[in-house]
Amino acid sequence: MTVLTNRQATAPAPAEDAPRPSGRSIGMVVKAYIALTKPRIIELLLITTLPVMFLAAGGLPPLWTSVAVMVFGTLSAGSANALNCYVDRDIDQKMRRTRRRPLARHQVSPRGALIFGIVLGVLSLLGLWVTTNWLAAMLSTGAILFYVLVYSMILKRRTAQNIVWGGIAGCMPVMIGWAGITDRLDWAPLVLFGVVFFWTPPHTWTLAMRYKEDYAAAKVPMLPVVATERRVILESIAYTWATVLCSLALWPVAGTTLFYPIVAAVLGAMCLWEVHRLLARLNAGKTGVALRPMRFFHWSNAYLALLFLAVAIDPLLS
């Protein structure tokens, strides 16, 4: 899922065979490799991982298991993001939002990024296998492979439904967190998987509405590029309703206290209000930036974080 929103336009990146700058410090190189992992996206993934471990444990999860899942889950997400940067290095140079990424600016070589991503993936697989269980390790590895091979290499450049199905990789942390604690899967993590699955398209489409010209220039058929604003907003409304309804299903499935459904209902109502305001502004004749799609994008980030915070708090109350 993409949450970076750097709006600063920079000069076009040099050709891939242009000479690399010399004299870079070790700190600059390290910073460039860290940037390959897209830390802001990792933060969002971890926001959904830790609360699920509270729910799986029925309270405070085992400390060292939680630390292991978070550390090696971070390596897993970093691996997927670094490999995504490797695959997308050509289109990243064409988009304002991504021109400052390390490969687009030739701060890291493609070969270096590829090796770095693979090493992180192997470390995450071995780390989860040794410290938790094989199920969490396999789910983590499956998420990396799906994101890189299915989303980045196949779906992203071929279909407007790219983020709908490609977003499955971003849903996997809830499964990994649950499996890390229980060594099995259950209906509760499947419900939360559904929450993230339905949440991802409207979240990403509103960002793509803001950067539609970027995606068009890179020939990436995001829905806002190939469809009307009305269709994008109507589909965003439908997915947001599905997100809210799925979030409320956790109450009976996981047997939470009343705290969780009350919080989920309030957050859901606010999220629905925001997405319906997009349609109201469109009906009032506003288009493009005047629709203020980024308002919903930022709110959807807060919605997911606060919802999963409620998931973590609820078992402590019971």
Protein backbone atom coordinates (compact mmCIF):
# COMPACT_ATOMS: atom_id res chain seq x y z
CA MET A 1 0.00 0.00 0.00
CA THR A 2 1.83 3.87 -0.85
CA VAL A 3 1.61 6.50 1.79
CA LEU A 4 4.46 8.77 0.99
CA THR A 5 3.21 12.14 -0.14
CA ASN A 6 6.33 14.13 -1.05
CA ARG A 7 5.07 16.94 -3.28
CA GLN A 8 8.36 18.54 -4.05
CA ALA A 9 9.09 18.40 -7.77
CA THR A 10 12.71 17.88 -8.64
CA ALA A 11 14.70 17.99 -11.79
CA PRO A 12 14.36 14.88 -13.95
CA ALA A 13 16.63 12.10 -12.82
CA PRO A 14 19.64 11.35 -15.01
CA ALA A 15 19.67 8.35 -17.28
CA GLU A 16 20.37 5.05 -15.60
CA ASP A 17 23.81 4.80 -17.16
CA ALA A 18 24.81 8.31 -16.04
CA PRO A 19 27.91 8.51 -13.83
CA ARG A 20 27.26 8.11 -10.11
CA PRO A 21 28.30 10.85 -7.72
CA SER A 22 31.45 10.06 -5.79
CA GLY A 23 32.62 10.95 -2.32
CA ARG A 24 29.42 9.96 -0.51
CA SER A 25 29.78 9.30 3.20
CA ILE A 26 28.85 6.00 4.82
CA GLY A 27 25.98 7.78 6.54
CA MET A 28 24.54 8.90 3.20
CA VAL A 29 24.77 5.36 1.81
CA VAL A 30 23.09 3.88 4.89
CA LYS A 31 20.36 6.52 4.69
CA ALA A 32 19.77 5.67 1.04
CA TYR A 33 19.39 1.95 1.78
CA ILE A 34 17.02 2.68 4.65
CA ALA A 35 14.96 4.85 2.31
CA LEU A 36 14.62 1.84 -0.03
CA THR A 37 12.58 0.10 2.66
CA LYS A 38 10.00 2.95 2.70
CA PRO A 39 9.89 3.43 6.51
CA ARG A 40 6.60 5.35 6.41
CA ILE A 41 4.84 2.35 4.86
CA ILE A 42 6.45 0.00 7.38
CA GLU A 43 5.04 2.14 10.20
CA LEU A 44 1.54 1.65 8.82
CA LEU A 45 2.03 -2.11 8.54
CA LEU A 46 3.31 -2.40 12.11
CA ILE A 47 0.30 -0.43 13.33
CA THR A 48 -1.84 -3.39 12.26
CA THR A 49 0.56 -6.10 13.49
CA LEU A 50 1.06 -5.34 17.18
CA PRO A 51 -2.64 -4.84 18.12
CA VAL A 52 -3.54 -8.21 16.61
CA MET A 53 -1.02 -9.86 18.93
CA PHE A 54 -2.85 -8.31 21.91
CA LEU A 55 -6.12 -9.71 20.59
CA ALA A 56 -4.58 -13.15 19.92
CA ALA A 57 -3.11 -13.30 23.45
CA GLY A 58 -6.29 -12.02 25.12
CA GLY A 59 -4.20 -9.33 26.80
CA LEU A 60 -0.49 -8.57 26.92
CA PRO A 61 1.33 -10.83 24.44
CA PRO A 62 4.65 -12.49 25.34
CA LEU A 63 7.31 -9.80 25.18
CA TRP A 64 10.03 -11.60 23.24
CA THR A 65 7.61 -13.09 20.74
CA SER A 66 6.16 -9.64 20.13
CA VAL A 67 9.63 -8.14 19.68
CA ALA A 68 10.60 -10.91 17.26
CA VAL A 69 7.46 -10.50 15.16
CA MET A 70 7.90 -6.74 15.01
CA VAL A 71 11.64 -6.87 14.20
CA PHE A 72 11.49 -9.59 11.57
CA GLY A 73 8.18 -8.24 10.28
CA THR A 74 9.98 -4.95 9.70
CA LEU A 75 12.67 -6.78 7.72
CA SER A 76 9.97 -8.54 5.71
CA ALA A 77 8.20 -5.30 4.82
CA GLY A 78 11.55 -3.66 4.08
CA SER A 79 12.44 -6.50 1.74
CA ALA A 80 9.18 -6.18 -0.20
CA ASN A 81 9.54 -2.41 -0.48
CA ALA A 82 13.20 -2.54 -1.57
CA LEU A 83 12.39 -5.12 -4.25
CA ASN A 84 9.43 -2.98 -5.34
CA CYS A 85 11.81 -0.04 -5.75
CA TYR A 86 14.03 -2.26 -7.89
CA VAL A 87 11.13 -3.29 -10.14
CA ASP A 88 9.68 0.24 -10.36
CA ARG A 89 12.94 2.13 -10.82
CA ASP A 90 11.99 3.17 -14.36
CA ILE A 91 8.59 4.64 -13.54
CA ASP A 92 9.80 6.18 -10.27
CA GLN A 93 11.90 8.59 -12.33
CA LYS A 94 8.79 9.82 -14.15
CA MET A 95 6.65 10.64 -11.11
CA ARG A 96 7.00 13.73 -8.92
CA ARG A 97 6.04 11.75 -5.85
CA THR A 98 8.79 9.16 -6.33
CA ARG A 99 11.64 11.00 -8.09
CA ARG A 100 13.56 11.37 -4.83
CA ARG A 101 13.70 7.64 -4.13
CA PRO A 102 17.28 6.27 -3.97
CA LEU A 103 17.21 4.31 -7.23
CA ALA A 104 15.60 7.17 -9.15
CA ARG A 105 18.37 9.47 -7.90
CA HIS A 106 21.09 6.84 -8.46
CA GLN A 107 22.09 6.84 -4.81
CA VAL A 108 21.94 3.03 -4.87
CA SER A 109 22.70 0.74 -7.80
CA PRO A 110 19.93 -1.58 -9.08
CA ARG A 111 22.10 -4.59 -8.28
CA GLY A 112 22.69 -3.31 -4.75
CA ALA A 113 18.96 -2.76 -4.20
CA LEU A 114 18.14 -6.25 -5.49
CA ILE A 115 20.69 -7.94 -3.24
CA PHE A 116 19.63 -5.81 -0.27
CA GLY A 117 15.96 -6.74 -0.73
CA ILE A 118 16.72 -10.46 -1.06
CA VAL A 119 18.97 -10.46 2.03
CA LEU A 120 16.28 -8.74 4.12
CA GLY A 121 13.73 -11.30 2.92
CA VAL A 122 15.94 -14.26 3.83
CA LEU A 123 16.71 -12.79 7.26
CA SER A 124 13.01 -12.23 7.96
CA LEU A 125 12.15 -15.80 6.93
CA LEU A 126 14.85 -17.37 9.08
CA GLY A 127 14.21 -15.00 11.99
CA LEU A 128 10.48 -15.68 12.17
CA TRP A 129 11.01 -19.42 11.71
CA VAL A 130 13.50 -19.62 14.59
CA THR A 131 11.83 -17.20 17.03
CA THR A 132 8.11 -17.88 16.38
CA ASN A 133 6.89 -20.66 14.08
CA TRP A 134 6.86 -21.87 10.49
CA LEU A 135 3.34 -20.50 9.81
CA ALA A 136 4.32 -16.90 10.57
CA ALA A 137 7.50 -17.33 8.52
CA MET A 138 5.61 -18.73 5.51
CA LEU A 139 2.96 -16.00 5.66
CA SER A 140 5.69 -13.36 5.75
CA THR A 141 7.53 -14.85 2.79
CA GLY A 142 4.28 -15.25 0.87
CA ALA A 143 3.52 -11.57 1.41
CA ILE A 144 6.90 -10.55 -0.03
CA LEU A 145 6.51 -12.77 -3.08
CA PHE A 146 2.93 -11.64 -3.71
CA TYR A 147 3.81 -7.96 -3.47
CA VAL A 148 6.81 -8.21 -5.77
CA LEU A 149 5.80 -10.87 -8.28
CA VAL A 150 2.03 -10.43 -8.47
CA TYR A 151 1.48 -6.74 -7.71
CA SER A 152 4.68 -5.01 -8.79
CA MET A 153 5.52 -7.13 -11.84
CA ILE A 154 2.06 -8.09 -13.13
CA LEU A 155 -0.92 -6.15 -11.79
CA LYS A 156 0.42 -2.63 -11.30
CA ARG A 157 1.09 -1.84 -14.96
CA ARG A 158 -1.70 -3.89 -16.49
CA THR A 159 -5.02 -3.31 -14.74
CA ALA A 160 -6.98 -0.63 -12.92
CA GLN A 161 -7.77 -3.28 -10.30
CA ASN A 162 -4.06 -3.40 -9.40
CA ILE A 163 -4.39 -2.06 -5.89
CA VAL A 164 -7.55 -4.05 -5.13
CA TRP A 165 -5.83 -7.42 -5.45
CA GLY A 166 -2.28 -6.19 -4.97
CA GLY A 167 -3.34 -4.82 -1.60
CA ILE A 168 -3.57 -8.39 -0.29
CA ALA A 169 0.12 -8.17 0.60
CA GLY A 170 -0.61 -5.24 2.91
CA CYS A 171 -3.26 -7.31 4.70
CA MET A 172 -0.84 -10.06 5.67
CA PRO A 173 0.66 -8.44 8.81
CA VAL A 174 -2.56 -9.14 10.74
CA MET A 175 -2.26 -12.82 9.84
CA ILE A 176 1.44 -12.88 10.69
CA GLY A 177 0.86 -11.22 14.07
CA TRP A 178 -1.90 -13.67 14.97
CA ALA A 179 0.07 -16.72 13.78
CA GLY A 180 3.15 -15.54 15.67
CA ILE A 181 1.23 -15.77 18.95
CA THR A 182 -1.12 -18.70 18.38
CA ASP A 183 0.64 -20.83 15.70
CA ARG A 184 -2.69 -21.04 13.84
CA LEU A 185 -5.23 -18.92 11.99
CA ASP A 186 -8.78 -18.11 13.06
CA TRP A 187 -11.81 -16.04 12.06
CA ALA A 188 -10.75 -12.94 13.99
CA PRO A 189 -7.59 -12.29 11.93
CA LEU A 190 -9.56 -13.07 8.76
CA VAL A 191 -12.04 -10.33 9.68
CA LEU A 192 -9.21 -7.86 10.27
CA PHE A 193 -7.62 -9.02 7.02
CA GLY A 194 -10.91 -8.00 5.39
CA VAL A 195 -10.83 -4.60 7.07
CA VAL A 196 -7.42 -3.79 5.60
CA PHE A 197 -8.40 -5.32 2.24
CA PHE A 198 -11.47 -3.11 1.83
CA TRP A 199 -9.69 -0.07 3.32
CA THR A 200 -6.79 -0.15 0.85
CA PRO A 201 -8.51 0.81 -2.47
CA PRO A 202 -10.19 4.08 -1.39
CA HIS A 203 -7.10 5.03 0.60
CA THR A 204 -4.87 4.54 -2.44
CA TRP A 205 -7.31 5.91 -5.03
CA THR A 206 -7.64 9.25 -3.24
CA LEU A 207 -3.85 9.57 -3.25
CA ALA A 208 -3.87 8.66 -6.95
CA MET A 209 -6.50 11.35 -7.60
CA ARG A 210 -4.01 13.90 -6.28
CA TYR A 211 -1.17 12.52 -8.41
CA LYS A 212 -3.19 11.39 -11.43
CA GLU A 213 -0.85 13.12 -13.91
CA ASP A 214 2.11 11.28 -12.39
CA TYR A 215 0.53 7.87 -12.86
CA ALA A 216 -0.59 8.79 -16.38
CA ALA A 217 2.95 9.89 -17.30
CA ALA A 218 4.32 6.58 -15.99
CA LYS A 219 1.55 4.67 -17.83
CA VAL A 220 0.28 3.07 -14.62
CA PRO A 221 -3.49 2.47 -15.05
CA MET A 222 -4.62 3.45 -11.56
CA LEU A 223 -8.40 3.82 -11.44
CA PRO A 224 -8.33 7.67 -11.29
CA VAL A 225 -6.29 7.63 -14.52
CA VAL A 226 -8.67 5.46 -16.54
CA ALA A 227 -12.05 6.28 -14.96
CA THR A 228 -14.13 9.37 -14.23
CA GLU A 229 -13.94 11.09 -10.87
CA ARG A 230 -17.54 10.05 -10.20
CA ARG A 231 -16.75 6.38 -10.69
CA VAL A 232 -13.66 6.61 -8.46
CA ILE A 233 -15.65 8.29 -5.69
CA LEU A 234 -18.60 5.90 -5.95
CA GLU A 235 -16.30 2.88 -5.77
CA SER A 236 -14.46 4.49 -2.85
CA ILE A 237 -17.78 4.90 -1.05
CA ALA A 238 -18.66 1.25 -1.64
CA TYR A 239 -15.30 0.03 -0.33
CA THR A 240 -15.49 2.34 2.69
CA TRP A 241 -18.91 0.96 3.62
CA ALA A 242 -17.47 -2.55 3.30
CA THR A 243 -14.55 -1.54 5.54
CA VAL A 244 -16.82 -0.23 8.28
CA LEU A 245 -19.19 -3.19 8.19
CA CYS A 246 -16.28 -5.63 8.26
CA SER A 247 -14.76 -3.80 11.23
CA LEU A 248 -18.00 -4.19 13.19
CA ALA A 249 -18.04 -7.94 12.46
CA LEU A 250 -15.05 -8.37 14.78
CA TRP A 251 -17.33 -7.76 17.79
CA PRO A 252 -19.29 -11.03 17.54
CA VAL A 253 -16.48 -13.01 15.93
CA ALA A 254 -13.82 -12.20 18.55
CA GLY A 255 -16.21 -11.67 21.46
CA THR A 256 -14.87 -8.21 22.30
CA THR A 257 -16.25 -5.94 24.98
CA LEU A 258 -18.55 -3.06 24.05
CA PHE A 259 -15.55 -0.74 23.91
CA TYR A 260 -14.39 -1.96 20.51
CA PRO A 261 -17.70 -1.79 18.57
CA ILE A 262 -18.45 1.67 19.99
CA VAL A 263 -15.05 2.98 18.87
CA ALA A 264 -15.36 1.19 15.51
CA ALA A 265 -18.82 2.66 14.93
CA VAL A 266 -17.72 6.22 15.74
CA LEU A 267 -14.59 5.99 13.60
CA GLY A 268 -16.57 4.35 10.81
CA ALA A 269 -19.21 7.08 10.85
CA MET A 270 -16.53 9.75 10.57
CA CYS A 271 -14.82 7.90 7.71
CA LEU A 272 -18.13 7.51 5.85
CA TRP A 273 -18.86 11.20 6.38
CA GLU A 274 -15.54 12.14 4.79
CA VAL A 275 -15.92 9.88 1.76
CA HIS A 276 -19.51 11.04 1.16
CA ARG A 277 -18.27 14.64 1.32
CA LEU A 278 -16.17 13.86 -1.74
CA LEU A 279 -19.35 13.01 -3.64
CA ALA A 280 -21.08 16.11 -2.32
CA ARG A 281 -18.23 18.32 -3.52
CA LEU A 282 -18.31 16.60 -6.92
CA ASN A 283 -22.07 17.18 -7.17
CA ALA A 284 -21.43 20.84 -6.31
CA GLY A 285 -19.27 21.15 -9.41
CA LYS A 286 -15.82 20.84 -7.83
CA THR A 287 -13.21 18.75 -9.61
CA GLY A 288 -9.52 17.94 -9.36
CA VAL A 289 -7.73 19.43 -6.36
CA ALA A 290 -10.94 21.25 -5.35
CA LEU A 291 -12.39 17.85 -4.43
CA ARG A 292 -9.78 17.68 -1.66
CA PRO A 293 -9.11 13.94 -2.01
CA MET A 294 -6.05 14.18 0.22
CA ARG A 295 -8.31 15.09 3.14
CA PHE A 296 -9.85 11.63 2.96
CA PHE A 297 -6.45 10.03 2.34
CA HIS A 298 -5.02 11.48 5.56
CA TRP A 299 -8.18 10.69 7.53
CA SER A 300 -8.10 7.07 6.34
CA ASN A 301 -4.60 6.74 7.81
CA ALA A 302 -5.87 8.00 11.16
CA TYR A 303 -8.92 5.74 10.94
CA LEU A 304 -6.86 2.57 10.54
CA ALA A 305 -4.42 3.52 13.31
CA LEU A 306 -7.18 4.36 15.80
CA LEU A 307 -9.24 1.29 14.91
CA PHE A 308 -6.32 -1.05 15.55
CA LEU A 309 -5.48 0.83 18.73
CA ALA A 310 -9.00 -0.10 19.88
CA VAL A 311 -8.25 -3.72 18.90
CA ALA A 312 -5.23 -3.65 21.25
CA ILE A 313 -7.01 -1.93 24.15
CA ASP A 314 -10.15 -4.07 24.16
CA PRO A 315 -8.57 -7.32 25.45
CA LEU A 316 -6.91 -5.36 28.25
CA LEU A 317 -10.35 -4.16 29.37
CA SER A 318 -11.80 -7.66 29.42
